[in-house]
């Protein structure tokens, strides 16, 4: 079973991100579940959502304590909330930021992690460019697909088209595609975070 934990703030599409991941997994013939965990339910408050993906039926119903992937939609949470609790050295970590892990003050923490599983992507910038709103969830999902190889970009874009009306979906697909391409180029060493 592959487990994903998504951290962000209310209004950033954290819950939708987990749901879209689950739909993309379903489209690839897998079992998936997505569910949120709210603190105070208001815009700007820390929000966590979870997604599990497996080839078999998923019976587990508790929050993800040891994620295989961590998607952080808001870098301001890095030093406010214990985002890295239970994160194993083999986890994928994707952060919405224009800065590197070192510049974010995470240099010491990531020294024991596999650098091929770490990535920052300017998801808010891509969302503003293509969608006109600072909602980083969709570009981060595509970045997750690129770094993990767990899902195909086509499944992510199909899930986007299924969730949103056509006009909104297509602008989100453009943001997702650009994020996917950027992460692939970063992994290939063609560009740096």
Protein backbone atom coordinates (compact mmCIF):
# COMPACT_ATOMS: atom_id res chain seq x y z
CA UNK A 1 0.00 0.00 0.00
CA UNK A 2 1.24 3.47 -0.90
CA UNK A 3 0.24 6.23 1.53
CA UNK A 4 0.26 9.97 0.86
CA UNK A 5 -0.15 12.82 3.33
CA UNK A 6 -1.01 16.28 1.98
CA UNK A 7 -0.43 19.35 4.17
CA UNK A 8 -1.61 22.85 3.42
CA UNK A 9 -3.95 25.56 4.55
CA UNK A 10 -7.71 25.86 4.23
CA UNK A 11 -8.60 27.20 0.80
CA UNK A 12 -5.59 25.69 -1.00
CA UNK A 13 -7.41 22.60 -2.23
CA UNK A 14 -5.77 20.11 0.16
CA UNK A 15 -8.85 17.89 0.35
CA UNK A 16 -9.39 18.11 -3.40
CA UNK A 17 -5.76 17.08 -3.92
CA UNK A 18 -6.26 13.83 -2.02
CA UNK A 19 -9.54 13.19 -3.83
CA UNK A 20 -7.96 13.80 -7.24
CA UNK A 21 -5.12 11.41 -6.39
CA UNK A 22 -7.67 8.74 -5.50
CA UNK A 23 -9.62 9.29 -8.72
CA UNK A 24 -6.41 9.10 -10.79
CA UNK A 25 -5.54 5.81 -9.08
CA UNK A 26 -9.05 4.45 -9.74
CA UNK A 27 -8.62 5.34 -13.41
CA UNK A 28 -5.51 3.13 -13.44
CA UNK A 29 -7.44 0.20 -12.00
CA UNK A 30 -6.24 0.52 -8.43
CA UNK A 31 -8.08 0.77 -5.14
CA UNK A 32 -7.82 4.12 -3.40
CA UNK A 33 -9.26 6.14 -0.56
CA UNK A 34 -9.02 9.81 0.30
CA UNK A 35 -10.13 11.62 3.43
CA UNK A 36 -9.37 14.86 5.31
CA UNK A 37 -8.47 15.73 8.87
CA UNK A 38 -9.50 19.23 9.87
CA UNK A 39 -8.46 21.35 12.82
CA UNK A 40 -10.40 24.58 12.87
CA UNK A 41 -12.26 24.59 9.58
CA UNK A 42 -11.48 28.04 8.23
CA UNK A 43 -9.52 29.56 5.41
CA UNK A 44 -5.83 29.70 6.25
CA UNK A 45 -5.94 27.11 9.04
CA UNK A 46 -3.65 24.08 8.73
CA UNK A 47 -5.38 21.19 6.93
CA UNK A 48 -4.21 17.63 6.36
CA UNK A 49 -5.65 15.13 3.89
CA UNK A 50 -4.68 11.54 3.21
CA UNK A 51 -4.72 9.20 0.25
CA UNK A 52 -4.00 5.48 0.10
CA UNK A 53 -3.42 3.57 -3.12
CA UNK A 54 -3.17 -0.21 -3.44
CA UNK A 55 -3.76 -3.05 -5.87
CA UNK A 56 -6.04 -4.68 -3.28
CA UNK A 57 -9.04 -3.47 -1.33
CA UNK A 58 -8.08 -1.03 1.40
CA UNK A 59 -9.61 -1.76 4.79
CA UNK A 60 -7.50 0.62 6.87
CA UNK A 61 -9.43 3.72 7.95
CA UNK A 62 -7.06 5.70 10.14
CA UNK A 63 -4.91 8.76 9.38
CA UNK A 64 -1.61 8.15 7.59
CA UNK A 65 1.09 8.11 10.28
CA UNK A 66 4.01 6.91 8.09
CA UNK A 67 3.56 8.37 4.60
CA UNK A 68 5.38 7.07 1.54
CA UNK A 69 4.94 10.56 0.11
CA UNK A 70 4.52 13.98 1.66
CA UNK A 71 3.04 16.81 -0.40
CA UNK A 72 3.39 20.21 1.25
CA UNK A 73 1.22 22.86 -0.38
CA UNK A 74 2.31 25.72 1.88
CA UNK A 75 5.97 26.11 2.86
CA UNK A 76 5.03 28.49 5.72
CA UNK A 77 3.92 25.37 7.61
CA UNK A 78 7.45 23.91 7.58
CA UNK A 79 8.52 25.39 10.88
CA UNK A 80 5.05 25.75 12.46
CA UNK A 81 3.68 22.21 12.28
CA UNK A 82 5.45 18.85 12.63
CA UNK A 83 5.00 17.91 8.98
CA UNK A 84 7.74 15.29 8.98
CA UNK A 85 6.41 13.13 11.80
CA UNK A 86 6.63 9.48 10.80
CA UNK A 87 8.26 10.21 7.44
CA UNK A 88 10.69 7.38 6.59
CA UNK A 89 14.01 8.02 4.78
CA UNK A 90 12.55 6.43 1.63
CA UNK A 91 9.65 8.90 1.34
CA UNK A 92 9.01 11.23 -1.56
CA UNK A 93 8.76 14.85 -0.43
CA UNK A 94 7.33 17.51 -2.71
CA UNK A 95 7.12 21.12 -1.50
CA UNK A 96 5.39 24.07 -3.12
CA UNK A 97 8.27 26.55 -3.21
CA UNK A 98 10.66 28.40 -5.48
CA UNK A 99 13.43 27.71 -2.96
CA UNK A 100 15.56 24.60 -2.44
CA UNK A 101 15.38 22.35 0.62
CA UNK A 102 18.55 24.05 1.96
CA UNK A 103 17.08 27.51 1.45
CA UNK A 104 13.95 26.36 3.28
CA UNK A 105 16.07 25.42 6.32
CA UNK A 106 15.71 21.67 5.75
CA UNK A 107 19.30 20.92 4.73
CA UNK A 108 20.18 18.90 7.83
CA UNK A 109 16.91 16.99 7.81
CA UNK A 110 17.18 15.87 4.18
CA UNK A 111 20.83 14.78 4.39
CA UNK A 112 19.70 11.25 5.26
CA UNK A 113 17.08 11.16 2.50
CA UNK A 114 17.35 10.11 -1.14
CA UNK A 115 17.78 13.36 -3.15
CA UNK A 116 16.01 11.74 -6.14
CA UNK A 117 12.86 11.66 -4.01
CA UNK A 118 12.96 15.34 -3.00
CA UNK A 119 11.60 18.17 -5.08
CA UNK A 120 10.34 21.71 -4.86
CA UNK A 121 8.09 23.12 -7.54
CA UNK A 122 6.61 26.60 -7.78
CA UNK A 123 3.03 25.30 -7.85
CA UNK A 124 1.41 28.56 -6.74
CA UNK A 125 3.20 30.41 -9.53
CA UNK A 126 1.98 27.84 -12.08
CA UNK A 127 -1.58 28.00 -10.73
CA UNK A 128 -1.57 31.81 -10.99
CA UNK A 129 -0.17 31.65 -14.51
CA UNK A 130 -2.69 29.14 -15.85
CA UNK A 131 -5.71 29.25 -13.53
CA UNK A 132 -5.53 32.81 -12.18
CA UNK A 133 -5.84 31.62 -8.56
CA UNK A 134 -3.24 30.72 -5.94
CA UNK A 135 -4.39 27.10 -5.57
CA UNK A 136 -1.28 24.88 -5.81
CA UNK A 137 -2.92 21.46 -5.48
CA UNK A 138 -3.17 20.47 -9.15
CA UNK A 139 0.41 21.36 -10.15
CA UNK A 140 1.65 19.49 -7.05
CA UNK A 141 -0.31 16.37 -8.00
CA UNK A 142 1.31 16.35 -11.40
CA UNK A 143 4.68 16.93 -9.75
CA UNK A 144 3.95 13.97 -7.49
CA UNK A 145 3.15 11.81 -10.53
CA UNK A 146 6.44 12.88 -12.12
CA UNK A 147 8.67 12.27 -9.10
CA UNK A 148 7.06 9.03 -7.90
CA UNK A 149 6.08 7.35 -11.16
CA UNK A 150 3.11 5.95 -9.23
CA UNK A 151 0.55 7.55 -11.56
CA UNK A 152 0.56 8.62 -15.18
CA UNK A 153 0.04 12.28 -16.07
CA UNK A 154 -2.89 11.18 -18.27
CA UNK A 155 -4.69 9.74 -15.22
CA UNK A 156 -4.14 12.95 -13.27
CA UNK A 157 -5.43 15.12 -16.12
CA UNK A 158 -8.43 12.80 -16.62
CA UNK A 159 -9.26 13.17 -12.90
CA UNK A 160 -9.01 16.96 -13.26
CA UNK A 161 -11.36 16.92 -16.25
CA UNK A 162 -13.79 14.74 -14.32
CA UNK A 163 -13.86 17.07 -11.29
CA UNK A 164 -13.98 20.53 -12.85
CA UNK A 165 -16.10 22.22 -15.53
CA UNK A 166 -14.38 22.29 -18.95
CA UNK A 167 -13.01 25.87 -18.84
CA UNK A 168 -11.55 25.45 -15.35
CA UNK A 169 -10.35 21.93 -16.09
CA UNK A 170 -8.35 22.89 -19.15
CA UNK A 171 -6.47 25.70 -17.39
CA UNK A 172 -5.70 23.26 -14.55
CA UNK A 173 -4.52 20.66 -17.07
CA UNK A 174 -2.08 23.25 -18.47
CA UNK A 175 -0.75 23.98 -14.96
CA UNK A 176 -0.45 20.25 -14.23
CA UNK A 177 1.34 19.53 -17.49
CA UNK A 178 3.87 22.31 -16.96
CA UNK A 179 4.52 21.16 -13.37
CA UNK A 180 4.99 17.57 -14.54
CA UNK A 181 7.46 18.67 -17.22
CA UNK A 182 9.40 20.88 -14.76
CA UNK A 183 9.76 18.07 -12.22
CA UNK A 184 10.87 15.62 -14.92
CA UNK A 185 13.51 18.14 -16.08
CA UNK A 186 14.68 18.69 -12.47
CA UNK A 187 15.03 14.95 -11.99
CA UNK A 188 17.01 14.71 -15.21
CA UNK A 189 19.30 17.53 -14.00
CA UNK A 190 18.25 19.86 -16.82
CA UNK A 191 17.04 22.55 -14.39
CA UNK A 192 17.56 23.22 -10.69
CA UNK A 193 14.92 23.98 -8.06
